[in-house]
Amino acid sequence: MGATKTDHFTEKQNSIAKMIKALGHPARIAIVEYLMKVDDCICGDIVNELPLAQPTVSQHLKELKNAGLIKGNVEGNAICYCIDEKAIEKLQHYFTGISAKLKLKKNCC
């Protein structure tokens, strides 16, 4: 079987792309913003904050978790979600590097 398109890129590039792709939906941005506002919460709390059905919110949470942007811990019969600070630091480091390189560039298009 041939190589997939992602095989041609570094692990870091694939990781950053996966996180950015997960943030490419406004509902997921809203979820991240909500999780930043509270210490932690369960899925039901998020459903009350967004104009989306519970299954839709669960799907968005799954995408954010698969991308490594949030963590989920089972507490009783609910899952408590929170931001994965290491992932956010990774994104911050990536964009800080881009910003620093752009400041050093002398030419512009």
C-alpha atoms as a PDB file:
ATOM      1  CA  MET A   1       0.000   0.000   0.000  1.00  0.00           C
ATOM      2  CA  GLY A   2       1.295   3.484  -0.839  1.00  0.00           C
ATOM      3  CA  ALA A   3       2.113   6.280   1.531  1.00  0.00           C
ATOM      4  CA  THR A   4      -0.654   8.581   2.664  1.00  0.00           C
ATOM      5  CA  LYS A   5      -0.316  12.301   2.078  1.00  0.00           C
ATOM      6  CA  THR A   6       0.442  12.906   5.760  1.00  0.00           C
ATOM      7  CA  ASP A   7       3.427  10.517   5.576  1.00  0.00           C
ATOM      8  CA  HIS A   8       5.294  13.164   3.611  1.00  0.00           C
ATOM      9  CA  PHE A   9       5.303  15.600   6.526  1.00  0.00           C
ATOM     10  CA  THR A  10       6.914  15.634   9.955  1.00  0.00           C
ATOM     11  CA  GLU A  11       5.166  14.426  13.077  1.00  0.00           C
ATOM     12  CA  LYS A  12       5.162  18.022  14.357  1.00  0.00           C
ATOM     13  CA  GLN A  13       3.555  19.319  11.140  1.00  0.00           C
ATOM     14  CA  ASN A  14       0.872  16.635  11.275  1.00  0.00           C
ATOM     15  CA  SER A  15       0.196  17.303  14.960  1.00  0.00           C
ATOM     16  CA  ILE A  16      -0.155  21.068  14.495  1.00  0.00           C
ATOM     17  CA  ALA A  17      -2.353  20.561  11.414  1.00  0.00           C
ATOM     18  CA  LYS A  18      -4.640  18.179  13.318  1.00  0.00           C
ATOM     19  CA  MET A  19      -5.119  20.716  16.125  1.00  0.00           C
ATOM     20  CA  ILE A  20      -5.715  23.621  13.751  1.00  0.00           C
ATOM     21  CA  LYS A  21      -8.171  21.545  11.709  1.00  0.00           C
ATOM     22  CA  ALA A  22     -10.098  20.718  14.881  1.00  0.00           C
ATOM     23  CA  LEU A  23     -10.334  24.442  15.620  1.00  0.00           C
ATOM     24  CA  GLY A  24     -11.685  25.089  12.123  1.00  0.00           C
ATOM     25  CA  HIS A  25     -15.329  25.024  13.206  1.00  0.00           C
ATOM     26  CA  PRO A  26     -17.027  27.874  15.103  1.00  0.00           C
ATOM     27  CA  ALA A  27     -18.798  25.460  17.475  1.00  0.00           C
ATOM     28  CA  ARG A  28     -15.442  24.035  18.539  1.00  0.00           C
ATOM     29  CA  ILE A  29     -14.063  27.528  19.065  1.00  0.00           C
ATOM     30  CA  ALA A  30     -17.113  28.243  21.246  1.00  0.00           C
ATOM     31  CA  ILE A  31     -16.492  25.038  23.217  1.00  0.00           C
ATOM     32  CA  VAL A  32     -12.830  25.924  23.792  1.00  0.00           C
ATOM     33  CA  GLU A  33     -13.811  29.450  24.868  1.00  0.00           C
ATOM     34  CA  TYR A  34     -16.385  28.028  27.278  1.00  0.00           C
ATOM     35  CA  LEU A  35     -13.881  25.578  28.752  1.00  0.00           C
ATOM     36  CA  MET A  36     -11.437  28.461  29.223  1.00  0.00           C
ATOM     37  CA  LYS A  37     -14.141  30.376  31.108  1.00  0.00           C
ATOM     38  CA  VAL A  38     -14.851  27.530  33.564  1.00  0.00           C
ATOM     39  CA  ASP A  39     -12.458  25.237  35.403  1.00  0.00           C
ATOM     40  CA  ASP A  40     -14.113  22.109  34.043  1.00  0.00           C
ATOM     41  CA  CYS A  41     -17.556  20.965  33.072  1.00  0.00           C
ATOM     42  CA  ILE A  42     -19.603  18.072  31.813  1.00  0.00           C
ATOM     43  CA  CYS A  43     -21.097  17.735  28.364  1.00  0.00           C
ATOM     44  CA  GLY A  44     -24.535  18.790  29.608  1.00  0.00           C
ATOM     45  CA  ASP A  45     -23.156  22.150  30.749  1.00  0.00           C
ATOM     46  CA  ILE A  46     -21.776  22.811  27.281  1.00  0.00           C
ATOM     47  CA  VAL A  47     -25.087  21.850  25.656  1.00  0.00           C
ATOM     48  CA  ASN A  48     -26.782  24.519  27.784  1.00  0.00           C
ATOM     49  CA  GLU A  49     -24.319  27.137  26.479  1.00  0.00           C
ATOM     50  CA  LEU A  50     -24.548  26.377  22.757  1.00  0.00           C
ATOM     51  CA  PRO A  51     -27.454  26.339  20.303  1.00  0.00           C
ATOM     52  CA  LEU A  52     -26.657  22.731  19.388  1.00  0.00           C
ATOM     53  CA  ALA A  53     -28.146  19.347  20.212  1.00  0.00           C
ATOM     54  CA  GLN A  54     -26.364  17.104  22.709  1.00  0.00           C
ATOM     55  CA  PRO A  55     -25.211  14.562  20.064  1.00  0.00           C
ATOM     56  CA  THR A  56     -23.709  17.400  17.990  1.00  0.00           C
ATOM     57  CA  VAL A  57     -21.863  18.809  21.004  1.00  0.00           C
ATOM     58  CA  SER A  58     -20.587  15.310  21.810  1.00  0.00           C
ATOM     59  CA  GLN A  59     -19.255  14.939  18.265  1.00  0.00           C
ATOM     60  CA  HIS A  60     -17.431  18.280  18.493  1.00  0.00           C
ATOM     61  CA  LEU A  61     -15.985  17.295  21.878  1.00  0.00           C
ATOM     62  CA  LYS A  62     -14.787  14.033  20.349  1.00  0.00           C
ATOM     63  CA  GLU A  63     -12.991  15.917  17.557  1.00  0.00           C
ATOM     64  CA  LEU A  64     -11.341  18.299  20.027  1.00  0.00           C
ATOM     65  CA  LYS A  65     -10.279  15.375  22.208  1.00  0.00           C
ATOM     66  CA  ASN A  66      -8.931  13.377  19.241  1.00  0.00           C
ATOM     67  CA  ALA A  67      -6.856  16.410  18.261  1.00  0.00           C
ATOM     68  CA  GLY A  68      -5.453  16.547  21.786  1.00  0.00           C
ATOM     69  CA  LEU A  69      -6.864  19.984  22.577  1.00  0.00           C
ATOM     70  CA  ILE A  70      -9.056  18.850  25.457  1.00  0.00           C
ATOM     71  CA  LYS A  71      -8.983  16.083  28.042  1.00  0.00           C
ATOM     72  CA  GLY A  72     -11.957  14.186  29.372  1.00  0.00           C
ATOM     73  CA  ASN A  73     -12.191  12.333  32.684  1.00  0.00           C
ATOM     74  CA  VAL A  74     -15.063  10.059  33.653  1.00  0.00           C
ATOM     75  CA  GLU A  75     -16.740  11.170  36.881  1.00  0.00           C
ATOM     76  CA  GLY A  76     -19.636   8.895  37.758  1.00  0.00           C
ATOM     77  CA  ASN A  77     -21.893   8.737  34.730  1.00  0.00           C
ATOM     78  CA  ALA A  78     -20.600  12.001  33.220  1.00  0.00           C
ATOM     79  CA  ILE A  79     -17.418  13.076  31.481  1.00  0.00           C
ATOM     80  CA  CYS A  80     -15.652  16.151  32.802  1.00  0.00           C
ATOM     81  CA  TYR A  81     -13.805  18.043  30.050  1.00  0.00           C
ATOM     82  CA  CYS A  82     -10.987  20.570  30.352  1.00  0.00           C
ATOM     83  CA  ILE A  83      -8.404  22.250  28.131  1.00  0.00           C
ATOM     84  CA  ASP A  84      -5.125  20.384  27.611  1.00  0.00           C
ATOM     85  CA  GLU A  85      -2.682  23.146  28.499  1.00  0.00           C
ATOM     86  CA  LYS A  86       0.255  21.379  26.834  1.00  0.00           C
ATOM     87  CA  ALA A  87      -1.562  21.382  23.494  1.00  0.00           C
ATOM     88  CA  ILE A  88      -2.342  25.086  23.784  1.00  0.00           C
ATOM     89  CA  GLU A  89       1.305  25.779  24.668  1.00  0.00           C
ATOM     90  CA  LYS A  90       2.349  23.798  21.586  1.00  0.00           C
ATOM     91  CA  LEU A  91       0.096  25.934  19.366  1.00  0.00           C
ATOM     92  CA  GLN A  92       1.290  29.110  21.058  1.00  0.00           C
ATOM     93  CA  HIS A  93       4.927  28.132  20.499  1.00  0.00           C
ATOM     94  CA  TYR A  94       4.201  27.369  16.842  1.00  0.00           C
ATOM     95  CA  PHE A  95       2.478  30.696  16.159  1.00  0.00           C
ATOM     96  CA  THR A  96       5.070  32.633  18.173  1.00  0.00           C
ATOM     97  CA  GLY A  97       7.741  31.108  15.929  1.00  0.00           C
ATOM     98  CA  ILE A  98       5.862  32.146  12.808  1.00  0.00           C
ATOM     99  CA  SER A  99       5.391  35.662  14.161  1.00  0.00           C
ATOM    100  CA  ALA A 100       9.084  35.990  15.034  1.00  0.00           C
ATOM    101  CA  LYS A 101      10.133  34.828  11.560  1.00  0.00           C
ATOM    102  CA  LEU A 102       7.758  37.286   9.899  1.00  0.00           C
ATOM    103  CA  LYS A 103       9.236  40.155  11.912  1.00  0.00           C
ATOM    104  CA  LEU A 104      12.704  39.209  10.666  1.00  0.00           C
ATOM    105  CA  LYS A 105      11.671  39.104   7.014  1.00  0.00           C
ATOM    106  CA  LYS A 106      12.795  42.161   5.084  1.00  0.00           C
ATOM    107  CA  ASN A 107      10.692  41.654   1.980  1.00  0.00           C
ATOM    108  CA  CYS A 108       6.979  41.360   1.638  1.00  0.00           C
ATOM    109  CA  CYS A 109       4.705  40.252  -1.172  1.00  0.00           C
END
